[in-house]
Amino acid sequence: MRSQLLMLAAGLALVAGCKSSTSPSGGGRSTTITVGNNFFSPTPDTVAAGQVTFSWSTPSNGHNVTWISGPTTPSNSQTLQSGTFPATLQAGTYTYHCTIHAGMNGTIVVQ
């Protein structure tokens, strides 16, 4: 019985540790969004109003930032393999995606 309790306690500690280390990246308050091969990171993200910079990680197989919704309509990026793309955002929730890769989506909450 004691060994079962020790195993249970160890398992709970492992789960608690995993929860904190693998928590969603939302609320990261990063004004730089990494654009990688089929992902945006962090997403969702929460930032202050102002400029957010999308930065292509190397190597990239070509992605773009195309806005789906938001309180304003920022310009869309060109398809890039490297470099950066700045966007100025006002308060509200913005969703965006890469039109080249299905399922490559992101969300930014601007406060």
PDB file of N, CA and C in Angstrom:
ATOM      1  N   MET A   1       0.828  -1.195   0.000  1.00  0.00           N
ATOM      2  CA  MET A   1       0.000   0.000   0.000  1.00  0.00           C
ATOM      3  C   MET A   1       0.873   1.259   0.000  1.00  0.00           C
ATOM      4  N   ARG A   2       1.947   1.224   0.829  1.00  0.00           N
ATOM      5  CA  ARG A   2       2.811   2.401   0.907  1.00  0.00           C
ATOM      6  C   ARG A   2       3.478   2.673  -0.438  1.00  0.00           C
ATOM      7  N   SER A   3       3.892   1.612  -1.135  1.00  0.00           N
ATOM      8  CA  SER A   3       4.539   1.800  -2.439  1.00  0.00           C
ATOM      9  C   SER A   3       3.557   2.379  -3.447  1.00  0.00           C
ATOM     10  N   GLN A   4       2.276   1.987  -3.344  1.00  0.00           N
ATOM     11  CA  GLN A   4       1.267   2.547  -4.241  1.00  0.00           C
ATOM     12  C   GLN A   4       1.068   4.037  -3.967  1.00  0.00           C
ATOM     13  N   LEU A   5       1.074   4.436  -2.699  1.00  0.00           N
ATOM     14  CA  LEU A   5       0.932   5.847  -2.350  1.00  0.00           C
ATOM     15  C   LEU A   5       2.130   6.651  -2.836  1.00  0.00           C
ATOM     16  N   LEU A   6       3.334   6.073  -2.707  1.00  0.00           N
ATOM     17  CA  LEU A   6       4.530   6.760  -3.199  1.00  0.00           C
ATOM     18  C   LEU A   6       4.478   6.926  -4.718  1.00  0.00           C
ATOM     19  N   MET A   7       4.016   5.889  -5.407  1.00  0.00           N
ATOM     20  CA  MET A   7       3.896   5.976  -6.868  1.00  0.00           C
ATOM     21  C   MET A   7       2.862   7.033  -7.247  1.00  0.00           C
ATOM     22  N   LEU A   8       1.753   7.080  -6.534  1.00  0.00           N
ATOM     23  CA  LEU A   8       0.713   8.075  -6.797  1.00  0.00           C
ATOM     24  C   LEU A   8       1.248   9.482  -6.564  1.00  0.00           C
ATOM     25  N   ALA A   9       1.972   9.683  -5.468  1.00  0.00           N
ATOM     26  CA  ALA A   9       2.542  10.999  -5.171  1.00  0.00           C
ATOM     27  C   ALA A   9       3.552  11.400  -6.246  1.00  0.00           C
ATOM     28  N   ALA A  10       4.374  10.461  -6.676  1.00  0.00           N
ATOM     29  CA  ALA A  10       5.354  10.759  -7.722  1.00  0.00           C
ATOM     30  C   ALA A  10       4.654  11.104  -9.026  1.00  0.00           C
ATOM     31  N   GLY A  11       3.588  10.370  -9.323  1.00  0.00           N
ATOM     32  CA  GLY A  11       2.828  10.653 -10.542  1.00  0.00           C
ATOM     33  C   GLY A  11       2.178  12.021 -10.512  1.00  0.00           C
ATOM     34  N   LEU A  12       1.609  12.395  -9.372  1.00  0.00           N
ATOM     35  CA  LEU A  12       1.005  13.716  -9.238  1.00  0.00           C
ATOM     36  C   LEU A  12       2.045  14.823  -9.357  1.00  0.00           C
ATOM     37  N   ALA A  13       3.219  14.617  -8.788  1.00  0.00           N
ATOM     38  CA  ALA A  13       4.292  15.602  -8.900  1.00  0.00           C
ATOM     39  C   ALA A  13       4.721  15.751 -10.351  1.00  0.00           C
ATOM     40  N   LEU A  14       4.798  14.635 -11.065  1.00  0.00           N
ATOM     41  CA  LEU A  14       5.175  14.682 -12.477  1.00  0.00           C
ATOM     42  C   LEU A  14       4.141  15.438 -13.291  1.00  0.00           C
ATOM     43  N   VAL A  15       2.864  15.154 -13.049  1.00  0.00           N
ATOM     44  CA  VAL A  15       1.799  15.853 -13.772  1.00  0.00           C
ATOM     45  C   VAL A  15       1.825  17.337 -13.457  1.00  0.00           C
ATOM     46  N   ALA A  16       1.998  17.694 -12.203  1.00  0.00           N
ATOM     47  CA  ALA A  16       2.050  19.110 -11.825  1.00  0.00           C
ATOM     48  C   ALA A  16       3.233  19.792 -12.491  1.00  0.00           C
ATOM     49  N   GLY A  17       4.363  19.124 -12.539  1.00  0.00           N
ATOM     50  CA  GLY A  17       5.533  19.691 -13.202  1.00  0.00           C
ATOM     51  C   GLY A  17       5.322  19.853 -14.679  1.00  0.00           C
ATOM     52  N   CYS A  18       4.675  18.876 -15.304  1.00  0.00           N
ATOM     53  CA  CYS A  18       4.402  18.959 -16.737  1.00  0.00           C
ATOM     54  C   CYS A  18       3.428  20.089 -17.031  1.00  0.00           C
ATOM     55  N   LYS A  19       2.448  20.252 -16.169  1.00  0.00           N
ATOM     56  CA  LYS A  19       1.457  21.294 -16.407  1.00  0.00           C
ATOM     57  C   LYS A  19       2.111  22.664 -16.463  1.00  0.00           C
ATOM     58  N   SER A  20       3.022  22.944 -15.563  1.00  0.00           N
ATOM     59  CA  SER A  20       3.636  24.261 -15.552  1.00  0.00           C
ATOM     60  C   SER A  20       4.634  24.430 -16.692  1.00  0.00           C
ATOM     61  N   SER A  21       5.304  23.355 -17.124  1.00  0.00           N
ATOM     62  CA  SER A  21       6.301  23.501 -18.171  1.00  0.00           C
ATOM     63  C   SER A  21       5.693  23.438 -19.557  1.00  0.00           C
ATOM     64  N   THR A  22       4.480  22.919 -19.672  1.00  0.00           N
ATOM     65  CA  THR A  22       3.876  22.814 -20.991  1.00  0.00           C
ATOM     66  C   THR A  22       2.617  23.676 -21.098  1.00  0.00           C
ATOM     67  N   SER A  23       2.506  24.661 -20.241  1.00  0.00           N
ATOM     68  CA  SER A  23       1.320  25.503 -20.283  1.00  0.00           C
ATOM     69  C   SER A  23       1.264  26.241 -21.609  1.00  0.00           C
ATOM     70  N   PRO A  24       0.070  26.609 -22.072  1.00  0.00           N
ATOM     71  CA  PRO A  24      -0.057  27.319 -23.336  1.00  0.00           C
ATOM     72  C   PRO A  24       0.782  28.593 -23.331  1.00  0.00           C
ATOM     73  N   SER A  25       1.214  28.981 -24.524  1.00  0.00           N
ATOM     74  CA  SER A  25       2.070  30.150 -24.620  1.00  0.00           C
ATOM     75  C   SER A  25       1.276  31.447 -24.607  1.00  0.00           C
ATOM     76  N   GLY A  26      -0.045  31.368 -24.498  1.00  0.00           N
ATOM     77  CA  GLY A  26      -0.846  32.576 -24.451  1.00  0.00           C
ATOM     78  C   GLY A  26      -0.499  33.426 -23.257  1.00  0.00           C
ATOM     79  N   GLY A  27      -0.606  34.724 -23.439  1.00  0.00           N
ATOM     80  CA  GLY A  27      -0.294  35.620 -22.349  1.00  0.00           C
ATOM     81  C   GLY A  27       1.187  35.858 -22.199  1.00  0.00           C
ATOM     82  N   GLY A  28       1.960  35.368 -23.162  1.00  0.00           N
ATOM     83  CA  GLY A  28       3.394  35.512 -23.102  1.00  0.00           C
ATOM     84  C   GLY A  28       3.852  36.946 -23.208  1.00  0.00           C
ATOM     85  N   ARG A  29       2.990  37.812 -23.687  1.00  0.00           N
ATOM     86  CA  ARG A  29       3.281  39.228 -23.824  1.00  0.00           C
ATOM     87  C   ARG A  29       4.521  39.497 -24.665  1.00  0.00           C
ATOM     88  N   SER A  30       4.737  38.645 -25.657  1.00  0.00           N
ATOM     89  CA  SER A  30       5.860  38.835 -26.563  1.00  0.00           C
ATOM     90  C   SER A  30       5.398  39.661 -27.756  1.00  0.00           C
ATOM     91  N   THR A  31       6.138  40.701 -28.078  1.00  0.00           N
ATOM     92  CA  THR A  31       5.791  41.497 -29.252  1.00  0.00           C
ATOM     93  C   THR A  31       6.490  40.966 -30.493  1.00  0.00           C
ATOM     94  N   THR A  32       7.187  39.839 -30.361  1.00  0.00           N
ATOM     95  CA  THR A  32       7.772  39.167 -31.526  1.00  0.00           C
ATOM     96  C   THR A  32       7.149  37.788 -31.645  1.00  0.00           C
ATOM     97  N   ILE A  33       6.536  37.533 -32.789  1.00  0.00           N
ATOM     98  CA  ILE A  33       5.927  36.244 -33.078  1.00  0.00           C
ATOM     99  C   ILE A  33       6.851  35.513 -34.050  1.00  0.00           C
ATOM    100  N   THR A  34       7.268  34.316 -33.677  1.00  0.00           N
ATOM    101  CA  THR A  34       8.120  33.516 -34.553  1.00  0.00           C
ATOM    102  C   THR A  34       7.255  32.814 -35.583  1.00  0.00           C
ATOM    103  N   VAL A  35       7.675  32.902 -36.838  1.00  0.00           N
ATOM    104  CA  VAL A  35       7.019  32.193 -37.931  1.00  0.00           C
ATOM    105  C   VAL A  35       7.965  31.067 -38.325  1.00  0.00           C
ATOM    106  N   GLY A  36       7.543  29.838 -38.092  1.00  0.00           N
ATOM    107  CA  GLY A  36       8.380  28.687 -38.406  1.00  0.00           C
ATOM    108  C   GLY A  36       7.689  27.774 -39.384  1.00  0.00           C
ATOM    109  N   ASN A  37       8.270  26.633 -39.595  1.00  0.00           N
ATOM    110  CA  ASN A  37       7.671  25.682 -40.519  1.00  0.00           C
ATOM    111  C   ASN A  37       6.373  25.138 -39.942  1.00  0.00           C
ATOM    112  N   ASN A  38       5.286  25.731 -40.413  1.00  0.00           N
ATOM    113  CA  ASN A  38       3.917  25.357 -40.073  1.00  0.00           C
ATOM    114  C   ASN A  38       3.486  25.724 -38.659  1.00  0.00           C
ATOM    115  N   PHE A  39       4.063  26.788 -38.086  1.00  0.00           N
ATOM    116  CA  PHE A  39       3.602  27.253 -36.784  1.00  0.00           C
ATOM    117  C   PHE A  39       3.889  28.742 -36.603  1.00  0.00           C
ATOM    118  N   PHE A  40       3.077  29.357 -35.741  1.00  0.00           N
ATOM    119  CA  PHE A  40       3.307  30.691 -35.200  1.00  0.00           C
ATOM    120  C   PHE A  40       3.518  30.499 -33.700  1.00  0.00           C
ATOM    121  N   SER A  41       4.471  31.227 -33.107  1.00  0.00           N
ATOM    122  CA  SER A  41       4.713  31.077 -31.672  1.00  0.00           C
ATOM    123  C   SER A  41       5.181  32.397 -31.075  1.00  0.00           C
ATOM    124  N   PRO A  42       4.608  32.838 -29.961  1.00  0.00           N
ATOM    125  CA  PRO A  42       3.532  32.182 -29.220  1.00  0.00           C
ATOM    126  C   PRO A  42       2.175  32.479 -29.838  1.00  0.00           C
ATOM    127  N   THR A  43       1.263  31.572 -29.642  1.00  0.00           N
ATOM    128  CA  THR A  43      -0.129  31.784 -29.992  1.00  0.00           C
ATOM    129  C   THR A  43      -0.984  30.908 -29.103  1.00  0.00           C
ATOM    130  N   PRO A  44      -1.998  31.446 -28.463  1.00  0.00           N
ATOM    131  CA  PRO A  44      -2.353  32.863 -28.483  1.00  0.00           C
ATOM    132  C   PRO A  44      -1.330  33.682 -27.705  1.00  0.00           C
ATOM    133  N   ASP A  45      -1.324  34.967 -27.972  1.00  0.00           N
ATOM    134  CA  ASP A  45      -0.438  35.881 -27.271  1.00  0.00           C
ATOM    135  C   ASP A  45      -1.257  37.083 -26.821  1.00  0.00           C
ATOM    136  N   THR A  46      -0.851  37.700 -25.720  1.00  0.00           N
ATOM    137  CA  THR A  46      -1.500  38.902 -25.214  1.00  0.00           C
ATOM    138  C   THR A  46      -0.445  39.992 -25.125  1.00  0.00           C
ATOM    139  N   VAL A  47      -0.705  41.123 -25.777  1.00  0.00           N
ATOM    140  CA  VAL A  47       0.271  42.209 -25.825  1.00  0.00           C
ATOM    141  C   VAL A  47      -0.416  43.553 -25.604  1.00  0.00           C
ATOM    142  N   ALA A  48       0.392  44.554 -25.342  1.00  0.00           N
ATOM    143  CA  ALA A  48      -0.113  45.932 -25.280  1.00  0.00           C
ATOM    144  C   ALA A  48      -0.293  46.445 -26.708  1.00  0.00           C
ATOM    145  N   ALA A  49      -1.175  47.420 -26.872  1.00  0.00           N
ATOM    146  CA  ALA A  49      -1.382  48.015 -28.188  1.00  0.00           C
ATOM    147  C   ALA A  49      -0.072  48.592 -28.702  1.00  0.00           C
ATOM    148  N   GLY A  50       0.120  48.473 -29.999  1.00  0.00           N
ATOM    149  CA  GLY A  50       1.347  48.969 -30.622  1.00  0.00           C
ATOM    150  C   GLY A  50       1.836  47.995 -31.668  1.00  0.00           C
ATOM    151  N   GLN A  51       3.130  47.978 -31.868  1.00  0.00           N
ATOM    152  CA  GLN A  51       3.709  47.163 -32.934  1.00  0.00           C
ATOM    153  C   GLN A  51       4.039  45.748 -32.474  1.00  0.00           C
ATOM    154  N   VAL A  52       3.680  44.795 -33.308  1.00  0.00           N
ATOM    155  CA  VAL A  52       4.047  43.393 -33.156  1.00  0.00           C
ATOM    156  C   VAL A  52       4.884  43.050 -34.379  1.00  0.00           C
ATOM    157  N   THR A  53       5.956  42.305 -34.178  1.00  0.00           N
ATOM    158  CA  THR A  53       6.819  41.932 -35.296  1.00  0.00           C
ATOM    159  C   THR A  53       6.786  40.426 -35.489  1.00  0.00           C
ATOM    160  N   PHE A  54       6.477  40.001 -36.694  1.00  0.00           N
ATOM    161  CA  PHE A  54       6.546  38.596 -37.068  1.00  0.00           C
ATOM    162  C   PHE A  54       7.949  38.359 -37.613  1.00  0.00           C
ATOM    163  N   SER A  55       8.627  37.356 -37.095  1.00  0.00           N
ATOM    164  CA  SER A  55      10.011  37.085 -37.464  1.00  0.00           C
ATOM    165  C   SER A  55      10.129  35.656 -37.978  1.00  0.00           C
ATOM    166  N   TRP A  56      10.548  35.507 -39.226  1.00  0.00           N
ATOM    167  CA  TRP A  56      10.676  34.195 -39.833  1.00  0.00           C
ATOM    168  C   TRP A  56      11.915  33.500 -39.291  1.00  0.00           C
ATOM    169  N   SER A  57      11.727  32.271 -38.799  1.00  0.00           N
ATOM    170  CA  SER A  57      12.866  31.497 -38.324  1.00  0.00           C
ATOM    171  C   SER A  57      13.512  30.819 -39.531  1.00  0.00           C
ATOM    172  N   THR A  58      14.769  30.527 -39.405  1.00  0.00           N
ATOM    173  CA  THR A  58      15.499  29.957 -40.525  1.00  0.00           C
ATOM    174  C   THR A  58      15.786  28.500 -40.231  1.00  0.00           C
ATOM    175  N   PRO A  59      15.658  27.580 -41.146  1.00  0.00           N
ATOM    176  CA  PRO A  59      15.123  27.822 -42.486  1.00  0.00           C
ATOM    177  C   PRO A  59      13.595  27.743 -42.476  1.00  0.00           C
ATOM    178  N   SER A  60      12.980  28.462 -43.344  1.00  0.00           N
ATOM    179  CA  SER A  60      11.532  28.464 -43.456  1.00  0.00           C
ATOM    180  C   SER A  60      11.169  28.075 -44.881  1.00  0.00           C
ATOM    181  N   ASN A  61      10.075  27.348 -45.028  1.00  0.00           N
ATOM    182  CA  ASN A  61       9.667  26.934 -46.372  1.00  0.00           C
ATOM    183  C   ASN A  61       8.674  27.903 -47.006  1.00  0.00           C
ATOM    184  N   GLY A  62       8.621  29.130 -46.519  1.00  0.00           N
ATOM    185  CA  GLY A  62       7.766  30.157 -47.107  1.00  0.00           C
ATOM    186  C   GLY A  62       6.397  30.229 -46.448  1.00  0.00           C
ATOM    187  N   HIS A  63       6.148  31.356 -45.781  1.00  0.00           N
ATOM    188  CA  HIS A  63       4.882  31.578 -45.086  1.00  0.00           C
ATOM    189  C   HIS A  63       4.470  33.038 -45.243  1.00  0.00           C
ATOM    190  N   ASN A  64       3.192  33.288 -44.949  1.00  0.00           N
ATOM    191  CA  ASN A  64       2.715  34.672 -44.923  1.00  0.00           C
ATOM    192  C   ASN A  64       1.828  34.866 -43.710  1.00  0.00           C
ATOM    193  N   VAL A  65       1.554  36.125 -43.417  1.00  0.00           N
ATOM    194  CA  VAL A  65       0.621  36.488 -42.350  1.00  0.00           C
ATOM    195  C   VAL A  65      -0.555  37.158 -43.033  1.00  0.00           C
ATOM    196  N   THR A  66      -1.709  36.507 -42.977  1.00  0.00           N
ATOM    197  CA  THR A  66      -2.931  37.037 -43.573  1.00  0.00           C
ATOM    198  C   THR A  66      -3.964  37.154 -42.467  1.00  0.00           C
ATOM    199  N   TRP A  67      -4.462  38.360 -42.260  1.00  0.00           N
ATOM    200  CA  TRP A  67      -5.398  38.631 -41.169  1.00  0.00           C
ATOM    201  C   TRP A  67      -6.771  38.091 -41.521  1.00  0.00           C
ATOM    202  N   ILE A  68      -7.394  37.406 -40.562  1.00  0.00           N
ATOM    203  CA  ILE A  68      -8.742  36.871 -40.737  1.00  0.00           C
ATOM    204  C   ILE A  68      -9.756  37.809 -40.109  1.00  0.00           C
ATOM    205  N   SER A  69      -9.479  38.245 -38.866  1.00  0.00           N
ATOM    206  CA  SER A  69     -10.418  39.126 -38.176  1.00  0.00           C
ATOM    207  C   SER A  69      -9.671  40.002 -37.187  1.00  0.00           C
ATOM    208  N   GLY A  70     -10.313  41.087 -36.822  1.00  0.00           N
ATOM    209  CA  GLY A  70      -9.756  42.015 -35.851  1.00  0.00           C
ATOM    210  C   GLY A  70     -10.480  43.335 -35.925  1.00  0.00           C
ATOM    211  N   PRO A  71     -10.271  44.191 -34.941  1.00  0.00           N
ATOM    212  CA  PRO A  71     -10.941  45.487 -34.925  1.00  0.00           C
ATOM    213  C   PRO A  71     -10.414  46.440 -36.003  1.00  0.00           C
ATOM    214  N   THR A  72      -9.206  46.197 -36.501  1.00  0.00           N
ATOM    215  CA  THR A  72      -8.669  46.973 -37.616  1.00  0.00           C
ATOM    216  C   THR A  72      -8.202  45.980 -38.672  1.00  0.00           C
ATOM    217  N   THR A  73      -7.840  46.490 -39.818  1.00  0.00           N
ATOM    218  CA  THR A  73      -7.384  45.625 -40.899  1.00  0.00           C
ATOM    219  C   THR A  73      -5.942  45.974 -41.259  1.00  0.00           C
ATOM    220  N   PRO A  74      -4.982  45.379 -40.556  1.00  0.00           N
ATOM    221  CA  PRO A  74      -3.580  45.624 -40.913  1.00  0.00           C
ATOM    222  C   PRO A  74      -3.293  45.029 -42.297  1.00  0.00           C
ATOM    223  N   SER A  75      -2.233  45.479 -42.908  1.00  0.00           N
ATOM    224  CA  SER A  75      -1.865  44.901 -44.199  1.00  0.00           C
ATOM    225  C   SER A  75      -1.344  43.481 -43.985  1.00  0.00           C
ATOM    226  N   ASN A  76      -1.519  42.654 -45.001  1.00  0.00           N
ATOM    227  CA  ASN A  76      -1.015  41.291 -44.980  1.00  0.00           C
ATOM    228  C   ASN A  76       0.444  41.294 -45.408  1.00  0.00           C
ATOM    229  N   SER A  77       1.179  40.289 -44.991  1.00  0.00           N
ATOM    230  CA  SER A  77       2.578  40.198 -45.402  1.00  0.00           C
ATOM    231  C   SER A  77       2.679  39.515 -46.763  1.00  0.00           C
ATOM    232  N   GLN A  78       3.818  39.681 -47.375  1.00  0.00           N
ATOM    233  CA  GLN A  78       4.147  38.890 -48.560  1.00  0.00           C
ATOM    234  C   GLN A  78       4.540  37.507 -48.075  1.00  0.00           C
ATOM    235  N   THR A  79       4.641  36.560 -48.977  1.00  0.00           N
ATOM    236  CA  THR A  79       5.178  35.256 -48.613  1.00  0.00           C
ATOM    237  C   THR A  79       6.687  35.402 -48.495  1.00  0.00           C
ATOM    238  N   LEU A  80       7.200  35.052 -47.323  1.00  0.00           N
ATOM    239  CA  LEU A  80       8.629  35.207 -47.037  1.00  0.00           C
ATOM    240  C   LEU A  80       9.232  33.890 -46.576  1.00  0.00           C
ATOM    241  N   GLN A  81      10.532  33.738 -46.796  1.00  0.00           N
ATOM    242  CA  GLN A  81      11.275  32.611 -46.247  1.00  0.00           C
ATOM    243  C   GLN A  81      12.158  33.058 -45.093  1.00  0.00           C
ATOM    244  N   SER A  82      12.430  34.357 -45.018  1.00  0.00           N
ATOM    245  CA  SER A  82      13.208  34.922 -43.911  1.00  0.00           C
ATOM    246  C   SER A  82      12.855  36.398 -43.804  1.00  0.00           C
ATOM    247  N   GLY A  83      13.298  37.006 -42.701  1.00  0.00           N
ATOM    248  CA  GLY A  83      13.050  38.430 -42.503  1.00  0.00           C
ATOM    249  C   GLY A  83      12.006  38.688 -41.445  1.00  0.00           C
ATOM    250  N   THR A  84      11.492  39.924 -41.443  1.00  0.00           N
ATOM    251  CA  THR A  84      10.495  40.333 -40.458  1.00  0.00           C
ATOM    252  C   THR A  84       9.356  41.078 -41.137  1.00  0.00           C
ATOM    253  N   PHE A  85       8.235  41.125 -40.431  1.00  0.00           N
ATOM    254  CA  PHE A  85       7.051  41.839 -40.892  1.00  0.00           C
ATOM    255  C   PHE A  85       6.412  42.514 -39.686  1.00  0.00           C
ATOM    256  N   PRO A  86       6.402  43.868 -39.654  1.00  0.00           N
ATOM    257  CA  PRO A  86       5.782  44.576 -38.531  1.00  0.00           C
ATOM    258  C   PRO A  86       4.293  44.833 -38.789  1.00  0.00           C
ATOM    259  N   ALA A  87       3.510  44.800 -37.713  1.00  0.00           N
ATOM    260  CA  ALA A  87       2.092  45.139 -37.793  1.00  0.00           C
ATOM    261  C   ALA A  87       1.744  45.969 -36.571  1.00  0.00           C
ATOM    262  N   THR A  88       1.028  47.070 -36.777  1.00  0.00           N
ATOM    263  CA  THR A  88       0.595  47.909 -35.676  1.00  0.00           C
ATOM    264  C   THR A  88      -0.854  47.556 -35.357  1.00  0.00           C
ATOM    265  N   LEU A  89      -1.092  47.177 -34.093  1.00  0.00           N
ATOM    266  CA  LEU A  89      -2.398  46.675 -33.691  1.00  0.00           C
ATOM    267  C   LEU A  89      -2.993  47.522 -32.578  1.00  0.00           C
ATOM    268  N   GLN A  90      -4.300  47.765 -32.683  1.00  0.00           N
ATOM    269  CA  GLN A  90      -5.056  48.460 -31.653  1.00  0.00           C
ATOM    270  C   GLN A  90      -5.721  47.424 -30.755  1.00  0.00           C
ATOM    271  N   ALA A  91      -6.321  47.873 -29.664  1.00  0.00           N
ATOM    272  CA  ALA A  91      -6.966  46.963 -28.713  1.00  0.00           C
ATOM    273  C   ALA A  91      -8.023  46.102 -29.398  1.00  0.00           C
ATOM    274  N   GLY A  92      -8.046  44.836 -29.024  1.00  0.00           N
ATOM    275  CA  GLY A  92      -9.007  43.882 -29.572  1.00  0.00           C
ATOM    276  C   GLY A  92      -8.341  42.538 -29.812  1.00  0.00           C
ATOM    277  N   THR A  93      -9.099  41.617 -30.365  1.00  0.00           N
ATOM    278  CA  THR A  93      -8.579  40.283 -30.664  1.00  0.00           C
ATOM    279  C   THR A  93      -8.429  40.129 -32.171  1.00  0.00           C
ATOM    280  N   TYR A  94      -7.247  39.695 -32.573  1.00  0.00           N
ATOM    281  CA  TYR A  94      -6.927  39.488 -33.982  1.00  0.00           C
ATOM    282  C   TYR A  94      -6.657  38.007 -34.227  1.00  0.00           C
ATOM    283  N   THR A  95      -7.166  37.511 -35.331  1.00  0.00           N
ATOM    284  CA  THR A  95      -6.817  36.163 -35.764  1.00  0.00           C
ATOM    285  C   THR A  95      -6.159  36.272 -37.130  1.00  0.00           C
ATOM    286  N   TYR A  96      -5.227  35.366 -37.383  1.00  0.00           N
ATOM    287  CA  TYR A  96      -4.474  35.391 -38.635  1.00  0.00           C
ATOM    288  C   TYR A  96      -4.089  33.973 -39.018  1.00  0.00           C
ATOM    289  N   HIS A  97      -3.649  33.797 -40.243  1.00  0.00           N
ATOM    290  CA  HIS A  97      -3.219  32.485 -40.700  1.00  0.00           C
ATOM    291  C   HIS A  97      -2.229  32.625 -41.850  1.00  0.00           C
ATOM    292  N   CYS A  98      -1.629  31.521 -42.201  1.00  0.00           N
ATOM    293  CA  CYS A  98      -0.787  31.431 -43.394  1.00  0.00           C
ATOM    294  C   CYS A  98      -1.665  30.811 -44.467  1.00  0.00           C
ATOM    295  N   THR A  99      -1.821  31.482 -45.589  1.00  0.00           N
ATOM    296  CA  THR A  99      -2.704  30.970 -46.641  1.00  0.00           C
ATOM    297  C   THR A  99      -2.097  29.779 -47.379  1.00  0.00           C
ATOM    298  N   ILE A 100      -0.823  29.520 -47.166  1.00  0.00           N
ATOM    299  CA  ILE A 100      -0.146  28.419 -47.858  1.00  0.00           C
ATOM    300  C   ILE A 100      -0.336  27.095 -47.110  1.00  0.00           C
ATOM    301  N   HIS A 101      -0.420  27.157 -45.794  1.00  0.00           N
ATOM    302  CA  HIS A 101      -0.449  25.951 -44.975  1.00  0.00           C
ATOM    303  C   HIS A 101      -1.724  25.877 -44.138  1.00  0.00           C
ATOM    304  N   ALA A 102      -2.610  24.973 -44.488  1.00  0.00           N
ATOM    305  CA  ALA A 102      -3.858  24.777 -43.744  1.00  0.00           C
ATOM    306  C   ALA A 102      -3.546  24.438 -42.294  1.00  0.00           C
ATOM    307  N   GLY A 103      -4.256  25.065 -41.389  1.00  0.00           N
ATOM    308  CA  GLY A 103      -4.073  24.794 -39.969  1.00  0.00           C
ATOM    309  C   GLY A 103      -3.001  25.636 -39.306  1.00  0.00           C
ATOM    310  N   MET A 104      -2.307  26.474 -40.064  1.00  0.00           N
ATOM    311  CA  MET A 104      -1.287  27.354 -39.485  1.00  0.00           C
ATOM    312  C   MET A 104      -1.978  28.661 -39.131  1.00  0.00           C
ATOM    313  N   ASN A 105      -2.448  28.762 -37.887  1.00  0.00           N
ATOM    314  CA  ASN A 105      -3.264  29.881 -37.422  1.00  0.00           C
ATOM    315  C   ASN A 105      -2.681  30.496 -36.165  1.00  0.00           C
ATOM    316  N   GLY A 106      -3.073  31.743 -35.895  1.00  0.00           N
ATOM    317  CA  GLY A 106      -2.632  32.403 -34.690  1.00  0.00           C
ATOM    318  C   GLY A 106      -3.656  33.391 -34.189  1.00  0.00           C
ATOM    319  N   THR A 107      -3.500  33.768 -32.919  1.00  0.00           N
ATOM    320  CA  THR A 107      -4.387  34.740 -32.273  1.00  0.00           C
ATOM    321  C   THR A 107      -3.549  35.677 -31.420  1.00  0.00           C
ATOM    322  N   ILE A 108      -3.862  36.962 -31.494  1.00  0.00           N
ATOM    323  CA  ILE A 108      -3.239  37.963 -30.644  1.00  0.00           C
ATOM    324  C   ILE A 108      -4.349  38.759 -29.971  1.00  0.00           C
ATOM    325  N   VAL A 109      -4.284  38.840 -28.639  1.00  0.00           N
ATOM    326  CA  VAL A 109      -5.204  39.665 -27.878  1.00  0.00           C
ATOM    327  C   VAL A 109      -4.427  40.924 -27.518  1.00  0.00           C
ATOM    328  N   VAL A 110      -4.920  42.078 -27.977  1.00  0.00           N
ATOM    329  CA  VAL A 110      -4.247  43.353 -27.746  1.00  0.00           C
ATOM    330  C   VAL A 110      -5.047  44.113 -26.695  1.00  0.00           C
ATOM    331  N   GLN A 111      -4.342  44.539 -25.632  1.00  0.00           N
ATOM    332  CA  GLN A 111      -5.008  45.254 -24.538  1.00  0.00           C
ATOM    333  C   GLN A 111      -4.650  46.717 -24.552  1.00  0.00           C
TER     334      GLN A 111
END
